[in-house]
């Protein structure tokens, strides 16, 4: 599973990164995670509001930071 956090490096982006990492670790998923901070690349996903979460190339969250339970549910459904 490939997780991408789209954002310019703000505090919310960092929080989403840590939350996704925590949820994936708790679920014991085989994953890789990366930050995408280049605004052109972020816009190529059609994202105009950050932070955003992309799972395996599909934008799943935009502009919000979910609870840990919601993040785990989202990741477990993929």
PDB file of N, CA and C in Angstrom:
ATOM      1  N   UNK A   1       0.851  -1.169   0.000  1.00  0.00           N
ATOM      2  CA  UNK A   1       0.000   0.000   0.000  1.00  0.00           C
ATOM      3  C   UNK A   1       0.900   1.236   0.000  1.00  0.00           C
ATOM      4  N   UNK A   2       0.578   2.160  -0.871  1.00  0.00           N
ATOM      5  CA  UNK A   2       1.341   3.411  -0.934  1.00  0.00           C
ATOM      6  C   UNK A   2       0.468   4.547  -0.405  1.00  0.00           C
ATOM      7  N   UNK A   3       0.971   5.217   0.612  1.00  0.00           N
ATOM      8  CA  UNK A   3       0.288   6.359   1.209  1.00  0.00           C
ATOM      9  C   UNK A   3       1.069   7.617   0.864  1.00  0.00           C
ATOM     10  N   UNK A   4       0.350   8.635   0.427  1.00  0.00           N
ATOM     11  CA  UNK A   4       0.974   9.925   0.150  1.00  0.00           C
ATOM     12  C   UNK A   4       0.214  10.994   0.914  1.00  0.00           C
ATOM     13  N   UNK A   5       0.955  11.832   1.591  1.00  0.00           N
ATOM     14  CA  UNK A   5       0.379  12.979   2.284  1.00  0.00           C
ATOM     15  C   UNK A   5       0.693  14.204   1.440  1.00  0.00           C
ATOM     16  N   UNK A   6      -0.350  14.848   0.959  1.00  0.00           N
ATOM     17  CA  UNK A   6      -0.190  16.037   0.127  1.00  0.00           C
ATOM     18  C   UNK A   6      -0.340  17.266   0.999  1.00  0.00           C
ATOM     19  N   UNK A   7       0.649  18.122   0.965  1.00  0.00           N
ATOM     20  CA  UNK A   7       0.589  19.354   1.732  1.00  0.00           C
ATOM     21  C   UNK A   7       1.919  20.072   1.691  1.00  0.00           C
ATOM     22  N   UNK A   8       1.892  21.314   2.060  1.00  0.00           N
ATOM     23  CA  UNK A   8       3.080  22.164   1.939  1.00  0.00           C
ATOM     24  C   UNK A   8       3.978  22.137   3.165  1.00  0.00           C
ATOM     25  N   UNK A   9       3.740  21.207   4.077  1.00  0.00           N
ATOM     26  CA  UNK A   9       4.586  21.094   5.256  1.00  0.00           C
ATOM     27  C   UNK A   9       4.035  21.791   6.488  1.00  0.00           C
ATOM     28  N   UNK A  10       2.777  22.146   6.462  1.00  0.00           N
ATOM     29  CA  UNK A  10       2.163  22.827   7.605  1.00  0.00           C
ATOM     30  C   UNK A  10       1.949  21.838   8.759  1.00  0.00           C
ATOM     31  N   UNK A  11       1.548  22.351   9.888  1.00  0.00           N
ATOM     32  CA  UNK A  11       1.336  21.518  11.078  1.00  0.00           C
ATOM     33  C   UNK A  11       0.257  20.468  10.839  1.00  0.00           C
ATOM     34  N   UNK A  12      -0.804  20.815  10.132  1.00  0.00           N
ATOM     35  CA  UNK A  12      -1.870  19.850   9.847  1.00  0.00           C
ATOM     36  C   UNK A  12      -1.368  18.727   8.952  1.00  0.00           C
ATOM     37  N   UNK A  13      -0.503  19.065   8.014  1.00  0.00           N
ATOM     38  CA  UNK A  13       0.073  18.056   7.124  1.00  0.00           C
ATOM     39  C   UNK A  13       0.926  17.078   7.918  1.00  0.00           C
ATOM     40  N   UNK A  14       1.716  17.600   8.844  1.00  0.00           N
ATOM     41  CA  UNK A  14       2.544  16.758   9.701  1.00  0.00           C
ATOM     42  C   UNK A  14       1.674  15.860  10.574  1.00  0.00           C
ATOM     43  N   UNK A  15       0.582  16.409  11.083  1.00  0.00           N
ATOM     44  CA  UNK A  15      -0.322  15.637  11.929  1.00  0.00           C
ATOM     45  C   UNK A  15      -0.962  14.496  11.139  1.00  0.00           C
ATOM     46  N   UNK A  16      -1.383  14.770   9.899  1.00  0.00           N
ATOM     47  CA  UNK A  16      -1.982  13.731   9.064  1.00  0.00           C
ATOM     48  C   UNK A  16      -0.960  12.644   8.746  1.00  0.00           C
ATOM     49  N   UNK A  17       0.277  13.030   8.485  1.00  0.00           N
ATOM     50  CA  UNK A  17       1.352  12.068   8.214  1.00  0.00           C
ATOM     51  C   UNK A  17       1.526  11.126   9.404  1.00  0.00           C
ATOM     52  N   UNK A  18       1.636  11.698  10.594  1.00  0.00           N
ATOM     53  CA  UNK A  18       1.847  10.891  11.796  1.00  0.00           C
ATOM     54  C   UNK A  18       0.645  10.000  12.088  1.00  0.00           C
ATOM     55  N   UNK A  19      -0.551  10.508  11.851  1.00  0.00           N
ATOM     56  CA  UNK A  19      -1.766   9.734  12.075  1.00  0.00           C
ATOM     57  C   UNK A  19      -1.851   8.549  11.112  1.00  0.00           C
ATOM     58  N   UNK A  20      -1.558   8.788   9.845  1.00  0.00           N
ATOM     59  CA  UNK A  20      -1.588   7.708   8.853  1.00  0.00           C
ATOM     60  C   UNK A  20      -0.546   6.648   9.190  1.00  0.00           C
ATOM     61  N   UNK A  21       0.625   7.093   9.589  1.00  0.00           N
ATOM     62  CA  UNK A  21       1.698   6.170   9.954  1.00  0.00           C
ATOM     63  C   UNK A  21       1.302   5.341  11.183  1.00  0.00           C
ATOM     64  N   UNK A  22       0.740   5.989  12.190  1.00  0.00           N
ATOM     65  CA  UNK A  22       0.305   5.301  13.402  1.00  0.00           C
ATOM     66  C   UNK A  22      -0.768   4.264  13.077  1.00  0.00           C
ATOM     67  N   UNK A  23      -1.761   4.658  12.305  1.00  0.00           N
ATOM     68  CA  UNK A  23      -2.856   3.749  11.958  1.00  0.00           C
ATOM     69  C   UNK A  23      -2.341   2.550  11.164  1.00  0.00           C
ATOM     70  N   UNK A  24      -1.489   2.790  10.190  1.00  0.00           N
ATOM     71  CA  UNK A  24      -0.936   1.702   9.380  1.00  0.00           C
ATOM     72  C   UNK A  24      -0.098   0.755  10.233  1.00  0.00           C
ATOM     73  N   UNK A  25       0.671   1.300  11.157  1.00  0.00           N
ATOM     74  CA  UNK A  25       1.470   0.456  12.056  1.00  0.00           C
ATOM     75  C   UNK A  25       0.587  -0.361  12.986  1.00  0.00           C
ATOM     76  N   UNK A  26      -0.448   0.260  13.525  1.00  0.00           N
ATOM     77  CA  UNK A  26      -1.350  -0.467  14.424  1.00  0.00           C
ATOM     78  C   UNK A  26      -2.085  -1.587  13.699  1.00  0.00           C
ATOM     79  N   UNK A  27      -2.383  -1.379  12.425  1.00  0.00           N
ATOM     80  CA  UNK A  27      -3.038  -2.407  11.608  1.00  0.00           C
ATOM     81  C   UNK A  27      -2.043  -3.416  11.047  1.00  0.00           C
ATOM     82  N   UNK A  28      -0.756  -3.172  11.275  1.00  0.00           N
ATOM     83  CA  UNK A  28       0.326  -4.023  10.782  1.00  0.00           C
ATOM     84  C   UNK A  28       0.265  -4.193   9.263  1.00  0.00           C
ATOM     85  N   UNK A  29       0.039  -3.079   8.575  1.00  0.00           N
ATOM     86  CA  UNK A  29      -0.034  -3.081   7.123  1.00  0.00           C
ATOM     87  C   UNK A  29       1.358  -3.042   6.508  1.00  0.00           C
ATOM     88  N   UNK A  30       1.466  -3.592   5.324  1.00  0.00           N
ATOM     89  CA  UNK A  30       2.677  -3.473   4.526  1.00  0.00           C
ATOM     90  C   UNK A  30       2.480  -2.200   3.695  1.00  0.00           C
ATOM     91  N   UNK A  31       3.197  -1.147   4.032  1.00  0.00           N
ATOM     92  CA  UNK A  31       2.955   0.148   3.390  1.00  0.00           C
ATOM     93  C   UNK A  31       4.246   0.929   3.224  1.00  0.00           C
ATOM     94  N   UNK A  32       4.167   1.920   2.342  1.00  0.00           N
ATOM     95  CA  UNK A  32       5.203   2.944   2.254  1.00  0.00           C
ATOM     96  C   UNK A  32       4.467   4.268   2.336  1.00  0.00           C
ATOM     97  N   UNK A  33       5.113   5.239   2.932  1.00  0.00           N
ATOM     98  CA  UNK A  33       4.472   6.545   3.104  1.00  0.00           C
ATOM     99  C   UNK A  33       5.440   7.631   2.665  1.00  0.00           C
ATOM    100  N   UNK A  34       4.904   8.635   2.002  1.00  0.00           N
ATOM    101  CA  UNK A  34       5.742   9.751   1.567  1.00  0.00           C
ATOM    102  C   UNK A  34       4.951  11.044   1.645  1.00  0.00           C
ATOM    103  N   UNK A  35       5.700  12.122   1.763  1.00  0.00           N
ATOM    104  CA  UNK A  35       5.113  13.463   1.745  1.00  0.00           C
ATOM    105  C   UNK A  35       5.309  14.048   0.356  1.00  0.00           C
ATOM    106  N   UNK A  36       4.292  14.704  -0.135  1.00  0.00           N
ATOM    107  CA  UNK A  36       4.398  15.439  -1.399  1.00  0.00           C
ATOM    108  C   UNK A  36       4.138  16.898  -1.084  1.00  0.00           C
ATOM    109  N   UNK A  37       5.180  17.711  -1.188  1.00  0.00           N
ATOM    110  CA  UNK A  37       5.065  19.119  -0.817  1.00  0.00           C
ATOM    111  C   UNK A  37       5.106  20.059  -2.013  1.00  0.00           C
ATOM    112  N   UNK A  38       5.374  19.542  -3.192  1.00  0.00           N
ATOM    113  CA  UNK A  38       5.424  20.377  -4.391  1.00  0.00           C
ATOM    114  C   UNK A  38       4.006  20.712  -4.837  1.00  0.00           C
ATOM    115  N   UNK A  39       3.703  21.987  -4.890  1.00  0.00           N
ATOM    116  CA  UNK A  39       2.336  22.434  -5.177  1.00  0.00           C
ATOM    117  C   UNK A  39       1.852  21.984  -6.554  1.00  0.00           C
ATOM    118  N   UNK A  40       2.725  21.918  -7.526  1.00  0.00           N
ATOM    119  CA  UNK A  40       2.339  21.453  -8.867  1.00  0.00           C
ATOM    120  C   UNK A  40       1.928  19.988  -8.813  1.00  0.00           C
ATOM    121  N   UNK A  41       2.699  19.173  -8.110  1.00  0.00           N
ATOM    122  CA  UNK A  41       2.355  17.758  -7.964  1.00  0.00           C
ATOM    123  C   UNK A  41       1.065  17.578  -7.176  1.00  0.00           C
ATOM    124  N   UNK A  42       0.875  18.384  -6.148  1.00  0.00           N
ATOM    125  CA  UNK A  42      -0.361  18.320  -5.361  1.00  0.00           C
ATOM    126  C   UNK A  42      -1.555  18.640  -6.249  1.00  0.00           C
ATOM    127  N   UNK A  43      -1.432  19.684  -7.050  1.00  0.00           N
ATOM    128  CA  UNK A  43      -2.531  20.081  -7.933  1.00  0.00           C
ATOM    129  C   UNK A  43      -2.798  19.032  -9.008  1.00  0.00           C
ATOM    130  N   UNK A  44      -1.788  18.250  -9.365  1.00  0.00           N
ATOM    131  CA  UNK A  44      -1.992  17.212 -10.379  1.00  0.00           C
ATOM    132  C   UNK A  44      -2.967  16.132  -9.910  1.00  0.00           C
ATOM    133  N   UNK A  45      -3.169  16.041  -8.597  1.00  0.00           N
ATOM    134  CA  UNK A  45      -4.156  15.123  -8.039  1.00  0.00           C
ATOM    135  C   UNK A  45      -5.557  15.751  -8.017  1.00  0.00           C
ATOM    136  N   UNK A  46      -5.646  17.021  -8.413  1.00  0.00           N
ATOM    137  CA  UNK A  46      -6.923  17.727  -8.357  1.00  0.00           C
ATOM    138  C   UNK A  46      -7.220  18.269  -6.976  1.00  0.00           C
ATOM    139  N   UNK A  47      -6.217  18.309  -6.127  1.00  0.00           N
ATOM    140  CA  UNK A  47      -6.378  18.760  -4.744  1.00  0.00           C
ATOM    141  C   UNK A  47      -6.077  20.248  -4.660  1.00  0.00           C
ATOM    142  N   UNK A  48      -7.030  20.995  -4.106  1.00  0.00           N
ATOM    143  CA  UNK A  48      -6.846  22.430  -3.939  1.00  0.00           C
ATOM    144  C   UNK A  48      -6.826  22.831  -2.463  1.00  0.00           C
ATOM    145  N   UNK A  49      -7.061  21.865  -1.584  1.00  0.00           N
ATOM    146  CA  UNK A  49      -7.098  22.115  -0.145  1.00  0.00           C
ATOM    147  C   UNK A  49      -6.283  21.020   0.531  1.00  0.00           C
ATOM    148  N   UNK A  50      -5.377  21.425   1.397  1.00  0.00           N
ATOM    149  CA  UNK A  50      -4.546  20.445   2.090  1.00  0.00           C
ATOM    150  C   UNK A  50      -4.846  20.478   3.579  1.00  0.00           C
ATOM    151  N   UNK A  51      -4.486  19.448   4.302  1.00  0.00           N
ATOM    152  CA  UNK A  51      -3.770  18.270   3.849  1.00  0.00           C
ATOM    153  C   UNK A  51      -4.694  17.307   3.112  1.00  0.00           C
ATOM    154  N   UNK A  52      -4.099  16.416   2.361  1.00  0.00           N
ATOM    155  CA  UNK A  52      -4.859  15.390   1.665  1.00  0.00           C
ATOM    156  C   UNK A  52      -4.121  14.064   1.801  1.00  0.00           C
ATOM    157  N   UNK A  53      -4.901  12.996   1.759  1.00  0.00           N
ATOM    158  CA  UNK A  53      -4.346  11.648   1.838  1.00  0.00           C
ATOM    159  C   UNK A  53      -4.662  10.920   0.540  1.00  0.00           C
ATOM    160  N   UNK A  54      -3.632  10.346  -0.058  1.00  0.00           N
ATOM    161  CA  UNK A  54      -3.784   9.549  -1.273  1.00  0.00           C
ATOM    162  C   UNK A  54      -3.373   8.121  -0.922  1.00  0.00           C
ATOM    163  N   UNK A  55      -4.248   7.180  -1.261  1.00  0.00           N
ATOM    164  CA  UNK A  55      -3.952   5.765  -1.023  1.00  0.00           C
ATOM    165  C   UNK A  55      -3.913   5.073  -2.372  1.00  0.00           C
ATOM    166  N   UNK A  56      -2.761   4.523  -2.701  1.00  0.00           N
ATOM    167  CA  UNK A  56      -2.559   3.819  -3.967  1.00  0.00           C
ATOM    168  C   UNK A  56      -3.054   4.642  -5.164  1.00  0.00           C
ATOM    169  N   UNK A  57      -2.708   5.934  -5.162  1.00  0.00           N
ATOM    170  CA  UNK A  57      -3.025   6.811  -6.281  1.00  0.00           C
ATOM    171  C   UNK A  57      -4.409   7.430  -6.266  1.00  0.00           C
ATOM    172  N   UNK A  58      -5.236   7.077  -5.280  1.00  0.00           N
ATOM    173  CA  UNK A  58      -6.613   7.581  -5.189  1.00  0.00           C
ATOM    174  C   UNK A  58      -6.729   8.563  -4.019  1.00  0.00           C
ATOM    175  N   UNK A  59      -7.206   9.771  -4.287  1.00  0.00           N
ATOM    176  CA  UNK A  59      -7.406  10.763  -3.223  1.00  0.00           C
ATOM    177  C   UNK A  59      -8.557  10.296  -2.334  1.00  0.00           C
ATOM    178  N   UNK A  60      -8.278  10.152  -1.058  1.00  0.00           N
ATOM    179  CA  UNK A  60      -9.272   9.644  -0.111  1.00  0.00           C
ATOM    180  C   UNK A  60      -9.748  10.688   0.892  1.00  0.00           C
ATOM    181  N   UNK A  61      -8.881  11.612   1.280  1.00  0.00           N
ATOM    182  CA  UNK A  61      -9.239  12.664   2.233  1.00  0.00           C
ATOM    183  C   UNK A  61      -8.689  13.989   1.751  1.00  0.00           C
ATOM    184  N   UNK A  62      -9.473  15.041   1.904  1.00  0.00           N
ATOM    185  CA  UNK A  62      -9.016  16.380   1.527  1.00  0.00           C
ATOM    186  C   UNK A  62      -9.456  17.370   2.600  1.00  0.00           C
ATOM    187  N   UNK A  63      -8.481  18.093   3.145  1.00  0.00           N
ATOM    188  CA  UNK A  63      -8.781  19.198   4.043  1.00  0.00           C
ATOM    189  C   UNK A  63      -9.206  18.832   5.446  1.00  0.00           C
ATOM    190  N   UNK A  64      -9.113  17.545   5.814  1.00  0.00           N
ATOM    191  CA  UNK A  64      -9.516  17.147   7.159  1.00  0.00           C
ATOM    192  C   UNK A  64      -8.471  16.223   7.771  1.00  0.00           C
ATOM    193  N   UNK A  65      -8.518  16.147   9.090  1.00  0.00           N
ATOM    194  CA  UNK A  65      -7.712  15.179   9.825  1.00  0.00           C
ATOM    195  C   UNK A  65      -8.711  14.322  10.597  1.00  0.00           C
ATOM    196  N   UNK A  66      -8.870  13.065  10.194  1.00  0.00           N
ATOM    197  CA  UNK A  66      -9.861  12.217  10.849  1.00  0.00           C
ATOM    198  C   UNK A  66      -9.369  11.720  12.205  1.00  0.00           C
ATOM    199  N   UNK A  67     -10.248  11.083  12.934  1.00  0.00           N
ATOM    200  CA  UNK A  67      -9.842  10.432  14.177  1.00  0.00           C
ATOM    201  C   UNK A  67      -8.997   9.213  13.823  1.00  0.00           C
ATOM    202  N   UNK A  68      -8.298   8.687  14.803  1.00  0.00           N
ATOM    203  CA  UNK A  68      -7.492   7.486  14.576  1.00  0.00           C
ATOM    204  C   UNK A  68      -8.383   6.330  14.126  1.00  0.00           C
ATOM    205  N   UNK A  69      -9.544   6.191  14.741  1.00  0.00           N
ATOM    206  CA  UNK A  69     -10.453   5.101  14.365  1.00  0.00           C
ATOM    207  C   UNK A  69     -10.911   5.227  12.913  1.00  0.00           C
ATOM    208  N   UNK A  70     -11.237   6.438  12.490  1.00  0.00           N
ATOM    209  CA  UNK A  70     -11.664   6.637  11.104  1.00  0.00           C
ATOM    210  C   UNK A  70     -10.524   6.365  10.129  1.00  0.00           C
ATOM    211  N   UNK A  71      -9.308   6.760  10.506  1.00  0.00           N
ATOM    212  CA  UNK A  71      -8.151   6.500   9.653  1.00  0.00           C
ATOM    213  C   UNK A  71      -7.917   4.999   9.527  1.00  0.00           C
ATOM    214  N   UNK A  72      -8.002   4.284  10.634  1.00  0.00           N
ATOM    215  CA  UNK A  72      -7.802   2.845  10.593  1.00  0.00           C
ATOM    216  C   UNK A  72      -8.881   2.163   9.744  1.00  0.00           C
ATOM    217  N   UNK A  73     -10.105   2.623   9.849  1.00  0.00           N
ATOM    218  CA  UNK A  73     -11.192   2.060   9.048  1.00  0.00           C
ATOM    219  C   UNK A  73     -10.929   2.295   7.571  1.00  0.00           C
ATOM    220  N   UNK A  74     -10.521   3.497   7.221  1.00  0.00           N
ATOM    221  CA  UNK A  74     -10.221   3.840   5.829  1.00  0.00           C
ATOM    222  C   UNK A  74      -9.090   2.960   5.283  1.00  0.00           C
ATOM    223  N   UNK A  75      -8.032   2.813   6.038  1.00  0.00           N
ATOM    224  CA  UNK A  75      -6.896   2.010   5.593  1.00  0.00           C
ATOM    225  C   UNK A  75      -7.249   0.523   5.510  1.00  0.00           C
ATOM    226  N   UNK A  76      -8.044   0.051   6.430  1.00  0.00           N
ATOM    227  CA  UNK A  76      -8.385  -1.378   6.437  1.00  0.00           C
ATOM    228  C   UNK A  76      -9.307  -1.746   5.282  1.00  0.00           C
ATOM    229  N   UNK A  77     -10.017  -0.771   4.737  1.00  0.00           N
ATOM    230  CA  UNK A  77     -10.923  -1.028   3.609  1.00  0.00           C
ATOM    231  C   UNK A  77     -10.190  -1.085   2.278  1.00  0.00           C
ATOM    232  N   UNK A  78      -8.916  -0.729   2.249  1.00  0.00           N
ATOM    233  CA  UNK A  78      -8.139  -0.701   1.002  1.00  0.00           C
ATOM    234  C   UNK A  78      -7.390  -1.965   0.784  1.00  0.00           C
TER     235      UNK A  78
END
